[in-house]
Amino acid sequence: MSLEDKAKAAAKNIEGKAQEAMGNV
C-alpha cells in the first residue's frame, strides 16, 4: 500500500469518526 493511499484512507476514517461524533452530539 502506498503511503499516499494509506494517508487518504486514514484521513477518510478520521473524517468519518468526526462526522459520526458530531452526529452523536
PDB file of all heavy atoms in Angstrom:
ATOM      1  N   MET A   1       0.856  -1.170   0.000  1.00  0.00           N
ATOM      2  CA  MET A   1       0.000   0.000   0.000  1.00  0.00           C
ATOM      3  C   MET A   1       0.898   1.227   0.000  1.00  0.00           C
ATOM      4  O   MET A   1       1.776   1.352   0.826  1.00  0.00           O
ATOM      5  CB  MET A   1      -0.890  -0.041   1.229  1.00  0.00           C
ATOM      6  CG  MET A   1      -1.880   1.067   1.337  1.00  0.00           C
ATOM      7  SD  MET A   1      -2.938   0.762   2.774  1.00  0.00           S
ATOM      8  CE  MET A   1      -4.390   1.583   2.254  1.00  0.00           C
ATOM      9  N   SER A   2       0.637   2.105  -0.925  1.00  0.00           N
ATOM     10  CA  SER A   2       1.472   3.290  -0.994  1.00  0.00           C
ATOM     11  C   SER A   2       1.171   4.215   0.184  1.00  0.00           C
ATOM     12  O   SER A   2       0.085   4.190   0.768  1.00  0.00           O
ATOM     13  CB  SER A   2       1.226   4.029  -2.311  1.00  0.00           C
ATOM     14  OG  SER A   2      -0.017   4.698  -2.286  1.00  0.00           O
ATOM     15  N   LEU A   3       2.131   5.009   0.500  1.00  0.00           N
ATOM     16  CA  LEU A   3       1.983   5.947   1.613  1.00  0.00           C
ATOM     17  C   LEU A   3       0.832   6.916   1.346  1.00  0.00           C
ATOM     18  O   LEU A   3       0.060   7.240   2.259  1.00  0.00           O
ATOM     19  CB  LEU A   3       3.294   6.705   1.825  1.00  0.00           C
ATOM     20  CG  LEU A   3       3.362   7.632   3.022  1.00  0.00           C
ATOM     21  CD1 LEU A   3       3.063   6.873   4.308  1.00  0.00           C
ATOM     22  CD2 LEU A   3       4.728   8.268   3.107  1.00  0.00           C
ATOM     23  N   GLU A   4       0.699   7.331   0.111  1.00  0.00           N
ATOM     24  CA  GLU A   4      -0.382   8.253  -0.250  1.00  0.00           C
ATOM     25  C   GLU A   4      -1.752   7.607  -0.033  1.00  0.00           C
ATOM     26  O   GLU A   4      -2.666   8.230   0.518  1.00  0.00           O
ATOM     27  CB  GLU A   4      -0.246   8.680  -1.711  1.00  0.00           C
ATOM     28  CG  GLU A   4      -1.319   9.651  -2.159  1.00  0.00           C
ATOM     29  CD  GLU A   4      -1.184  10.059  -3.614  1.00  0.00           C
ATOM     30  OE1 GLU A   4      -0.144   9.771  -4.239  1.00  0.00           O
ATOM     31  OE2 GLU A   4      -2.126  10.662  -4.121  1.00  0.00           O
ATOM     32  N   ASP A   5      -1.897   6.341  -0.435  1.00  0.00           N
ATOM     33  CA  ASP A   5      -3.166   5.635  -0.253  1.00  0.00           C
ATOM     34  C   ASP A   5      -3.477   5.428   1.226  1.00  0.00           C
ATOM     35  O   ASP A   5      -4.625   5.548   1.654  1.00  0.00           O
ATOM     36  CB  ASP A   5      -3.157   4.288  -0.976  1.00  0.00           C
ATOM     37  CG  ASP A   5      -3.159   4.445  -2.491  1.00  0.00           C
ATOM     38  OD1 ASP A   5      -3.662   5.468  -2.983  1.00  0.00           O
ATOM     39  OD2 ASP A   5      -2.652   3.541  -3.170  1.00  0.00           O
ATOM     40  N   LYS A   6      -2.448   5.123   2.005  1.00  0.00           N
ATOM     41  CA  LYS A   6      -2.642   4.965   3.453  1.00  0.00           C
ATOM     42  C   LYS A   6      -3.114   6.277   4.070  1.00  0.00           C
ATOM     43  O   LYS A   6      -4.009   6.294   4.913  1.00  0.00           O
ATOM     44  CB  LYS A   6      -1.346   4.531   4.127  1.00  0.00           C
ATOM     45  CG  LYS A   6      -1.004   3.089   3.916  1.00  0.00           C
ATOM     46  CD  LYS A   6       0.267   2.740   4.675  1.00  0.00           C
ATOM     47  CE  LYS A   6       0.662   1.302   4.441  1.00  0.00           C
ATOM     48  NZ  LYS A   6       1.865   0.929   5.173  1.00  0.00           N
ATOM     49  N   ALA A   7      -2.500   7.375   3.651  1.00  0.00           N
ATOM     50  CA  ALA A   7      -2.858   8.684   4.186  1.00  0.00           C
ATOM     51  C   ALA A   7      -4.291   9.045   3.819  1.00  0.00           C
ATOM     52  O   ALA A   7      -5.039   9.580   4.649  1.00  0.00           O
ATOM     53  CB  ALA A   7      -1.894   9.749   3.682  1.00  0.00           C
ATOM     54  N   LYS A   8      -4.692   8.761   2.590  1.00  0.00           N
ATOM     55  CA  LYS A   8      -6.058   9.058   2.157  1.00  0.00           C
ATOM     56  C   LYS A   8      -7.065   8.239   2.950  1.00  0.00           C
ATOM     57  O   LYS A   8      -8.110   8.759   3.365  1.00  0.00           O
ATOM     58  CB  LYS A   8      -6.234   8.778   0.662  1.00  0.00           C
ATOM     59  CG  LYS A   8      -5.584   9.814  -0.228  1.00  0.00           C
ATOM     60  CD  LYS A   8      -5.795   9.472  -1.682  1.00  0.00           C
ATOM     61  CE  LYS A   8      -5.118  10.459  -2.605  1.00  0.00           C
ATOM     62  NZ  LYS A   8      -5.298  10.106  -4.014  1.00  0.00           N
ATOM     63  N   ALA A   9      -6.778   6.960   3.154  1.00  0.00           N
ATOM     64  CA  ALA A   9      -7.684   6.106   3.917  1.00  0.00           C
ATOM     65  C   ALA A   9      -7.763   6.563   5.371  1.00  0.00           C
ATOM     66  O   ALA A   9      -8.854   6.608   5.956  1.00  0.00           O
ATOM     67  CB  ALA A   9      -7.237   4.645   3.835  1.00  0.00           C
ATOM     68  N   ALA A  10      -6.634   6.939   5.943  1.00  0.00           N
ATOM     69  CA  ALA A  10      -6.623   7.415   7.331  1.00  0.00           C
ATOM     70  C   ALA A  10      -7.402   8.722   7.460  1.00  0.00           C
ATOM     71  O   ALA A  10      -8.168   8.903   8.412  1.00  0.00           O
ATOM     72  CB  ALA A  10      -5.189   7.603   7.820  1.00  0.00           C
ATOM     73  N   ALA A  11      -7.238   9.599   6.497  1.00  0.00           N
ATOM     74  CA  ALA A  11      -7.958  10.876   6.526  1.00  0.00           C
ATOM     75  C   ALA A  11      -9.460  10.643   6.408  1.00  0.00           C
ATOM     76  O   ALA A  11     -10.252  11.288   7.113  1.00  0.00           O
ATOM     77  CB  ALA A  11      -7.471  11.781   5.399  1.00  0.00           C
ATOM     78  N   LYS A  12      -9.863   9.742   5.536  1.00  0.00           N
ATOM     79  CA  LYS A  12     -11.281   9.435   5.360  1.00  0.00           C
ATOM     80  C   LYS A  12     -11.847   8.837   6.645  1.00  0.00           C
ATOM     81  O   LYS A  12     -12.968   9.159   7.051  1.00  0.00           O
ATOM     82  CB  LYS A  12     -11.464   8.480   4.182  1.00  0.00           C
ATOM     83  CG  LYS A  12     -12.908   8.125   3.866  1.00  0.00           C
ATOM     84  CD  LYS A  12     -13.753   9.314   3.457  1.00  0.00           C
ATOM     85  CE  LYS A  12     -13.490   9.741   2.049  1.00  0.00           C
ATOM     86  NZ  LYS A  12     -14.425  10.790   1.594  1.00  0.00           N
ATOM     87  N   ASN A  13     -11.078   7.978   7.303  1.00  0.00           N
ATOM     88  CA  ASN A  13     -11.522   7.372   8.552  1.00  0.00           C
ATOM     89  C   ASN A  13     -11.695   8.435   9.648  1.00  0.00           C
ATOM     90  O   ASN A  13     -12.702   8.447  10.354  1.00  0.00           O
ATOM     91  CB  ASN A  13     -10.535   6.292   8.999  1.00  0.00           C
ATOM     92  CG  ASN A  13     -11.072   5.487  10.152  1.00  0.00           C
ATOM     93  OD1 ASN A  13     -12.233   5.088  10.165  1.00  0.00           O
ATOM     94  ND2 ASN A  13     -10.225   5.225  11.128  1.00  0.00           N
ATOM     95  N   ILE A  14     -10.726   9.328   9.761  1.00  0.00           N
ATOM     96  CA  ILE A  14     -10.795  10.399  10.767  1.00  0.00           C
ATOM     97  C   ILE A  14     -11.983  11.317  10.466  1.00  0.00           C
ATOM     98  O   ILE A  14     -12.726  11.697  11.378  1.00  0.00           O
ATOM     99  CB  ILE A  14      -9.473  11.189  10.812  1.00  0.00           C
ATOM    100  CG1 ILE A  14      -8.366  10.295  11.384  1.00  0.00           C
ATOM    101  CG2 ILE A  14      -9.622  12.467  11.621  1.00  0.00           C
ATOM    102  CD1 ILE A  14      -6.975  10.852  11.222  1.00  0.00           C
ATOM    103  N   GLU A  15     -12.160  11.640   9.199  1.00  0.00           N
ATOM    104  CA  GLU A  15     -13.287  12.481   8.803  1.00  0.00           C
ATOM    105  C   GLU A  15     -14.613  11.810   9.197  1.00  0.00           C
ATOM    106  O   GLU A  15     -15.516  12.462   9.725  1.00  0.00           O
ATOM    107  CB  GLU A  15     -13.236  12.708   7.293  1.00  0.00           C
ATOM    108  CG  GLU A  15     -14.358  13.552   6.739  1.00  0.00           C
ATOM    109  CD  GLU A  15     -14.306  13.680   5.219  1.00  0.00           C
ATOM    110  OE1 GLU A  15     -13.326  13.246   4.589  1.00  0.00           O
ATOM    111  OE2 GLU A  15     -15.276  14.219   4.672  1.00  0.00           O
ATOM    112  N   GLY A  16     -14.700  10.519   8.960  1.00  0.00           N
ATOM    113  CA  GLY A  16     -15.908   9.781   9.307  1.00  0.00           C
ATOM    114  C   GLY A  16     -16.157   9.732  10.801  1.00  0.00           C
ATOM    115  O   GLY A  16     -17.292   9.903  11.262  1.00  0.00           O
ATOM    116  N   LYS A  17     -15.098   9.521  11.567  1.00  0.00           N
ATOM    117  CA  LYS A  17     -15.243   9.488  13.028  1.00  0.00           C
ATOM    118  C   LYS A  17     -15.700  10.844  13.560  1.00  0.00           C
ATOM    119  O   LYS A  17     -16.553  10.919  14.453  1.00  0.00           O
ATOM    120  CB  LYS A  17     -13.933   9.075  13.687  1.00  0.00           C
ATOM    121  CG  LYS A  17     -13.636   7.593  13.542  1.00  0.00           C
ATOM    122  CD  LYS A  17     -12.328   7.236  14.224  1.00  0.00           C
ATOM    123  CE  LYS A  17     -11.974   5.801  13.959  1.00  0.00           C
ATOM    124  NZ  LYS A  17     -12.350   4.911  15.022  1.00  0.00           N
ATOM    125  N   ALA A  18     -15.141  11.910  13.002  1.00  0.00           N
ATOM    126  CA  ALA A  18     -15.521  13.251  13.442  1.00  0.00           C
ATOM    127  C   ALA A  18     -16.978  13.534  13.085  1.00  0.00           C
ATOM    128  O   ALA A  18     -17.730  14.089  13.911  1.00  0.00           O
ATOM    129  CB  ALA A  18     -14.611  14.295  12.799  1.00  0.00           C
ATOM    130  N   GLN A  19     -17.382  13.149  11.898  1.00  0.00           N
ATOM    131  CA  GLN A  19     -18.761  13.401  11.491  1.00  0.00           C
ATOM    132  C   GLN A  19     -19.734  12.571  12.327  1.00  0.00           C
ATOM    133  O   GLN A  19     -20.788  13.062  12.724  1.00  0.00           O
ATOM    134  CB  GLN A  19     -18.944  13.095  10.005  1.00  0.00           C
ATOM    135  CG  GLN A  19     -20.308  13.529   9.485  1.00  0.00           C
ATOM    136  CD  GLN A  19     -20.390  13.487   7.979  1.00  0.00           C
ATOM    137  OE1 GLN A  19     -19.492  13.004   7.297  1.00  0.00           O
ATOM    138  NE2 GLN A  19     -21.476  14.004   7.446  1.00  0.00           N
ATOM    139  N   GLU A  20     -19.374  11.323  12.604  1.00  0.00           N
ATOM    140  CA  GLU A  20     -20.220  10.485  13.450  1.00  0.00           C
ATOM    141  C   GLU A  20     -20.332  11.082  14.855  1.00  0.00           C
ATOM    142  O   GLU A  20     -21.425  11.136  15.439  1.00  0.00           O
ATOM    143  CB  GLU A  20     -19.675   9.060  13.534  1.00  0.00           C
ATOM    144  CG  GLU A  20     -20.552   8.143  14.356  1.00  0.00           C
ATOM    145  CD  GLU A  20     -19.989   6.737  14.497  1.00  0.00           C
ATOM    146  OE1 GLU A  20     -18.842   6.481  14.079  1.00  0.00           O
ATOM    147  OE2 GLU A  20     -20.710   5.899  15.046  1.00  0.00           O
ATOM    148  N   ALA A  21     -19.211  11.561  15.397  1.00  0.00           N
ATOM    149  CA  ALA A  21     -19.222  12.176  16.726  1.00  0.00           C
ATOM    150  C   ALA A  21     -20.094  13.426  16.731  1.00  0.00           C
ATOM    151  O   ALA A  21     -20.853  13.662  17.685  1.00  0.00           O
ATOM    152  CB  ALA A  21     -17.800  12.514  17.163  1.00  0.00           C
ATOM    153  N   MET A  22     -20.002  14.210  15.672  1.00  0.00           N
ATOM    154  CA  MET A  22     -20.838  15.411  15.580  1.00  0.00           C
ATOM    155  C   MET A  22     -22.312  15.017  15.546  1.00  0.00           C
ATOM    156  O   MET A  22     -23.155  15.646  16.191  1.00  0.00           O
ATOM    157  CB  MET A  22     -20.480  16.230  14.332  1.00  0.00           C
ATOM    158  CG  MET A  22     -21.295  17.504  14.207  1.00  0.00           C
ATOM    159  SD  MET A  22     -21.102  18.671  15.563  1.00  0.00           S
ATOM    160  CE  MET A  22     -19.495  19.295  15.227  1.00  0.00           C
ATOM    161  N   GLY A  23     -22.623  13.955  14.826  1.00  0.00           N
ATOM    162  CA  GLY A  23     -23.992  13.467  14.786  1.00  0.00           C
ATOM    163  C   GLY A  23     -24.472  13.008  16.149  1.00  0.00           C
ATOM    164  O   GLY A  23     -25.634  13.211  16.508  1.00  0.00           O
ATOM    165  N   ASN A  24     -23.574  12.392  16.913  1.00  0.00           N
ATOM    166  CA  ASN A  24     -23.930  11.969  18.269  1.00  0.00           C
ATOM    167  C   ASN A  24     -24.200  13.171  19.174  1.00  0.00           C
ATOM    168  O   ASN A  24     -25.130  13.149  19.975  1.00  0.00           O
ATOM    169  CB  ASN A  24     -22.823  11.102  18.873  1.00  0.00           C
ATOM    170  CG  ASN A  24     -22.780   9.716  18.277  1.00  0.00           C
ATOM    171  OD1 ASN A  24     -23.785   9.181  17.842  1.00  0.00           O
ATOM    172  ND2 ASN A  24     -21.601   9.129  18.242  1.00  0.00           N
ATOM    173  N   VAL A  25     -23.388  14.204  19.028  1.00  0.00           N
ATOM    174  CA  VAL A  25     -23.538  15.402  19.859  1.00  0.00           C
ATOM    175  C   VAL A  25     -24.823  16.152  19.506  1.00  0.00           C
ATOM    176  O   VAL A  25     -25.568  16.577  20.389  1.00  0.00           O
ATOM    177  CB  VAL A  25     -22.313  16.336  19.711  1.00  0.00           C
ATOM    178  CG1 VAL A  25     -22.563  17.687  20.343  1.00  0.00           C
ATOM    179  CG2 VAL A  25     -21.082  15.679  20.312  1.00  0.00           C
TER     180      VAL A  25
END
